[in-house]
């Protein structure tokens, strides 16, 4: 499973995700830094990415258009890069189970895990 980090998440997380989420990237790294949500949505769907965001707009697009792509909505307040990385890595198995195995379109992940 590869993740596409939205603009609101640091591109510096990408190298640390590669062992657990190979092929992951961030929107600025693929030329979508100032793209609108719909363009990011289409890119993610066409390239088999899961969008990771703190933005409710992608949850709304998920409800409106369905999948692909799927959305991982981080519901924790802005936090440090290490805290965000820990949240993703510590919940990797649950993320894969919800998105890949169960096929859920959008999952919410908070400080305590899935909400």
C-alpha atoms as a PDB file:
ATOM      1  CA  UNK A   1       0.000   0.000   0.000  1.00  0.00           C
ATOM      2  CA  UNK A   2       1.455   3.359  -0.990  1.00  0.00           C
ATOM      3  CA  UNK A   3       0.483   6.632   0.595  1.00  0.00           C
ATOM      4  CA  UNK A   4       0.129  10.064  -0.978  1.00  0.00           C
ATOM      5  CA  UNK A   5       0.639  12.676   1.721  1.00  0.00           C
ATOM      6  CA  UNK A   6      -1.385  15.846   1.281  1.00  0.00           C
ATOM      7  CA  UNK A   7       0.208  19.306   1.451  1.00  0.00           C
ATOM      8  CA  UNK A   8      -0.652  19.552   5.136  1.00  0.00           C
ATOM      9  CA  UNK A   9       1.821  16.739   5.897  1.00  0.00           C
ATOM     10  CA  UNK A  10       5.568  17.148   5.618  1.00  0.00           C
ATOM     11  CA  UNK A  11       7.415  15.761   2.621  1.00  0.00           C
ATOM     12  CA  UNK A  12      10.209  14.923   5.073  1.00  0.00           C
ATOM     13  CA  UNK A  13       8.128  11.971   6.278  1.00  0.00           C
ATOM     14  CA  UNK A  14       8.396  10.182   2.936  1.00  0.00           C
ATOM     15  CA  UNK A  15      11.819   8.506   3.365  1.00  0.00           C
ATOM     16  CA  UNK A  16      10.781   7.150   6.762  1.00  0.00           C
ATOM     17  CA  UNK A  17       7.619   5.572   5.327  1.00  0.00           C
ATOM     18  CA  UNK A  18       9.307   3.580   2.573  1.00  0.00           C
ATOM     19  CA  UNK A  19       9.995   0.402   4.578  1.00  0.00           C
ATOM     20  CA  UNK A  20       6.369   0.102   5.693  1.00  0.00           C
ATOM     21  CA  UNK A  21       4.555   1.840   2.819  1.00  0.00           C
ATOM     22  CA  UNK A  22       6.819   1.405  -0.244  1.00  0.00           C
ATOM     23  CA  UNK A  23       6.270   3.870  -3.074  1.00  0.00           C
ATOM     24  CA  UNK A  24       4.749   6.527  -0.845  1.00  0.00           C
ATOM     25  CA  UNK A  25       5.253  10.192  -1.675  1.00  0.00           C
ATOM     26  CA  UNK A  26       3.939  13.671  -0.950  1.00  0.00           C
ATOM     27  CA  UNK A  27       2.028  15.935  -3.352  1.00  0.00           C
ATOM     28  CA  UNK A  28       4.833  18.513  -3.687  1.00  0.00           C
ATOM     29  CA  UNK A  29       7.278  15.786  -4.684  1.00  0.00           C
ATOM     30  CA  UNK A  30       5.145  14.869  -7.707  1.00  0.00           C
ATOM     31  CA  UNK A  31       4.367  18.403  -8.879  1.00  0.00           C
ATOM     32  CA  UNK A  32       0.951  18.786  -7.239  1.00  0.00           C
ATOM     33  CA  UNK A  33       1.943  21.247  -4.523  1.00  0.00           C
ATOM     34  CA  UNK A  34      -0.672  23.867  -5.395  1.00  0.00           C
ATOM     35  CA  UNK A  35      -3.145  21.562  -7.111  1.00  0.00           C
ATOM     36  CA  UNK A  36      -6.771  21.568  -6.062  1.00  0.00           C
ATOM     37  CA  UNK A  37      -8.212  18.626  -4.149  1.00  0.00           C
ATOM     38  CA  UNK A  38      -9.927  17.202  -7.234  1.00  0.00           C
ATOM     39  CA  UNK A  39      -6.616  17.007  -9.163  1.00  0.00           C
ATOM     40  CA  UNK A  40      -4.966  15.242  -6.215  1.00  0.00           C
ATOM     41  CA  UNK A  41      -7.972  12.920  -5.979  1.00  0.00           C
ATOM     42  CA  UNK A  42      -7.719  11.972  -9.647  1.00  0.00           C
ATOM     43  CA  UNK A  43      -3.954  11.465  -9.488  1.00  0.00           C
ATOM     44  CA  UNK A  44      -4.236   9.230  -6.430  1.00  0.00           C
ATOM     45  CA  UNK A  45      -7.006   7.172  -8.002  1.00  0.00           C
ATOM     46  CA  UNK A  46      -5.119   6.740 -11.272  1.00  0.00           C
ATOM     47  CA  UNK A  47      -1.872   5.740  -9.545  1.00  0.00           C
ATOM     48  CA  UNK A  48      -3.157   3.465  -6.745  1.00  0.00           C
ATOM     49  CA  UNK A  49      -2.381   5.791  -3.835  1.00  0.00           C
ATOM     50  CA  UNK A  50      -4.185   6.157  -0.523  1.00  0.00           C
ATOM     51  CA  UNK A  51      -4.537   9.863   0.273  1.00  0.00           C
ATOM     52  CA  UNK A  52      -3.337  10.758   3.775  1.00  0.00           C
ATOM     53  CA  UNK A  53      -4.619  14.112   4.965  1.00  0.00           C
ATOM     54  CA  UNK A  54      -5.773  16.258   7.843  1.00  0.00           C
ATOM     55  CA  UNK A  55      -8.292  17.885   5.499  1.00  0.00           C
ATOM     56  CA  UNK A  56     -12.012  17.010   5.726  1.00  0.00           C
ATOM     57  CA  UNK A  57     -12.407  17.826   2.017  1.00  0.00           C
ATOM     58  CA  UNK A  58     -11.068  14.426   0.984  1.00  0.00           C
ATOM     59  CA  UNK A  59     -13.574  12.653   3.242  1.00  0.00           C
ATOM     60  CA  UNK A  60     -16.290  14.618   1.441  1.00  0.00           C
ATOM     61  CA  UNK A  61     -14.889  13.635  -1.967  1.00  0.00           C
ATOM     62  CA  UNK A  62     -14.849  10.030  -0.798  1.00  0.00           C
ATOM     63  CA  UNK A  63     -18.510  10.215   0.173  1.00  0.00           C
ATOM     64  CA  UNK A  64     -19.391  11.908  -3.118  1.00  0.00           C
ATOM     65  CA  UNK A  65     -17.344   9.868  -5.597  1.00  0.00           C
ATOM     66  CA  UNK A  66     -16.519   6.625  -3.801  1.00  0.00           C
ATOM     67  CA  UNK A  67     -13.242   4.890  -4.488  1.00  0.00           C
ATOM     68  CA  UNK A  68     -10.586   4.762  -5.758  1.00  0.00           C
ATOM     69  CA  UNK A  69      -8.766   6.370  -4.140  1.00  0.00           C
ATOM     70  CA  UNK A  70      -9.171   5.582  -0.498  1.00  0.00           C
ATOM     71  CA  UNK A  71      -8.568   8.159   2.222  1.00  0.00           C
ATOM     72  CA  UNK A  72      -6.760   8.009   5.541  1.00  0.00           C
ATOM     73  CA  UNK A  73      -7.984  11.046   7.471  1.00  0.00           C
ATOM     74  CA  UNK A  74      -5.691  11.972  10.365  1.00  0.00           C
ATOM     75  CA  UNK A  75      -7.947  13.408  13.048  1.00  0.00           C
ATOM     76  CA  UNK A  76      -5.209  14.417  15.438  1.00  0.00           C
ATOM     77  CA  UNK A  77      -4.269  18.074  15.800  1.00  0.00           C
ATOM     78  CA  UNK A  78      -1.176  19.292  14.028  1.00  0.00           C
ATOM     79  CA  UNK A  79       1.681  17.474  15.631  1.00  0.00           C
ATOM     80  CA  UNK A  80       5.386  17.020  15.109  1.00  0.00           C
ATOM     81  CA  UNK A  81       6.747  14.984  12.225  1.00  0.00           C
ATOM     82  CA  UNK A  82       7.945  12.230  14.606  1.00  0.00           C
ATOM     83  CA  UNK A  83       4.494  12.022  16.205  1.00  0.00           C
ATOM     84  CA  UNK A  84       2.789  11.810  12.812  1.00  0.00           C
ATOM     85  CA  UNK A  85       5.263   9.161  11.670  1.00  0.00           C
ATOM     86  CA  UNK A  86       4.690   7.137  14.845  1.00  0.00           C
ATOM     87  CA  UNK A  87       0.928   7.357  14.371  1.00  0.00           C
ATOM     88  CA  UNK A  88       1.200   5.950  10.855  1.00  0.00           C
ATOM     89  CA  UNK A  89       3.750   3.252  11.615  1.00  0.00           C
ATOM     90  CA  UNK A  90       2.215   2.058  14.883  1.00  0.00           C
ATOM     91  CA  UNK A  91      -1.154   1.670  13.167  1.00  0.00           C
ATOM     92  CA  UNK A  92       0.145   0.187   9.916  1.00  0.00           C
ATOM     93  CA  UNK A  93      -1.495  -3.216  10.332  1.00  0.00           C
ATOM     94  CA  UNK A  94      -4.852  -1.672  11.215  1.00  0.00           C
ATOM     95  CA  UNK A  95      -4.579   0.758   8.287  1.00  0.00           C
ATOM     96  CA  UNK A  96      -3.858  -2.087   5.868  1.00  0.00           C
ATOM     97  CA  UNK A  97      -6.673  -4.186   7.328  1.00  0.00           C
ATOM     98  CA  UNK A  98      -9.234  -1.388   7.044  1.00  0.00           C
ATOM     99  CA  UNK A  99      -8.266  -0.085   3.633  1.00  0.00           C
ATOM    100  CA  UNK A 100      -6.836  -3.058   1.787  1.00  0.00           C
ATOM    101  CA  UNK A 101      -8.526  -6.074   3.332  1.00  0.00           C
ATOM    102  CA  UNK A 102     -11.928  -4.589   4.217  1.00  0.00           C
ATOM    103  CA  UNK A 103     -11.989  -2.066   1.360  1.00  0.00           C
ATOM    104  CA  UNK A 104     -13.252   0.812   3.477  1.00  0.00           C
ATOM    105  CA  UNK A 105     -13.288   4.064   1.452  1.00  0.00           C
ATOM    106  CA  UNK A 106     -12.251   6.452   4.230  1.00  0.00           C
ATOM    107  CA  UNK A 107     -10.908   5.744   7.680  1.00  0.00           C
ATOM    108  CA  UNK A 108     -10.259   8.200  10.472  1.00  0.00           C
ATOM    109  CA  UNK A 109      -7.147   7.819  12.574  1.00  0.00           C
ATOM    110  CA  UNK A 110      -6.688   9.777  15.809  1.00  0.00           C
ATOM    111  CA  UNK A 111      -4.113   9.768  18.564  1.00  0.00           C
ATOM    112  CA  UNK A 112      -5.686   6.675  20.100  1.00  0.00           C
ATOM    113  CA  UNK A 113      -6.020   4.796  16.820  1.00  0.00           C
ATOM    114  CA  UNK A 114      -9.140   4.413  14.701  1.00  0.00           C
ATOM    115  CA  UNK A 115     -12.119   6.552  15.584  1.00  0.00           C
END
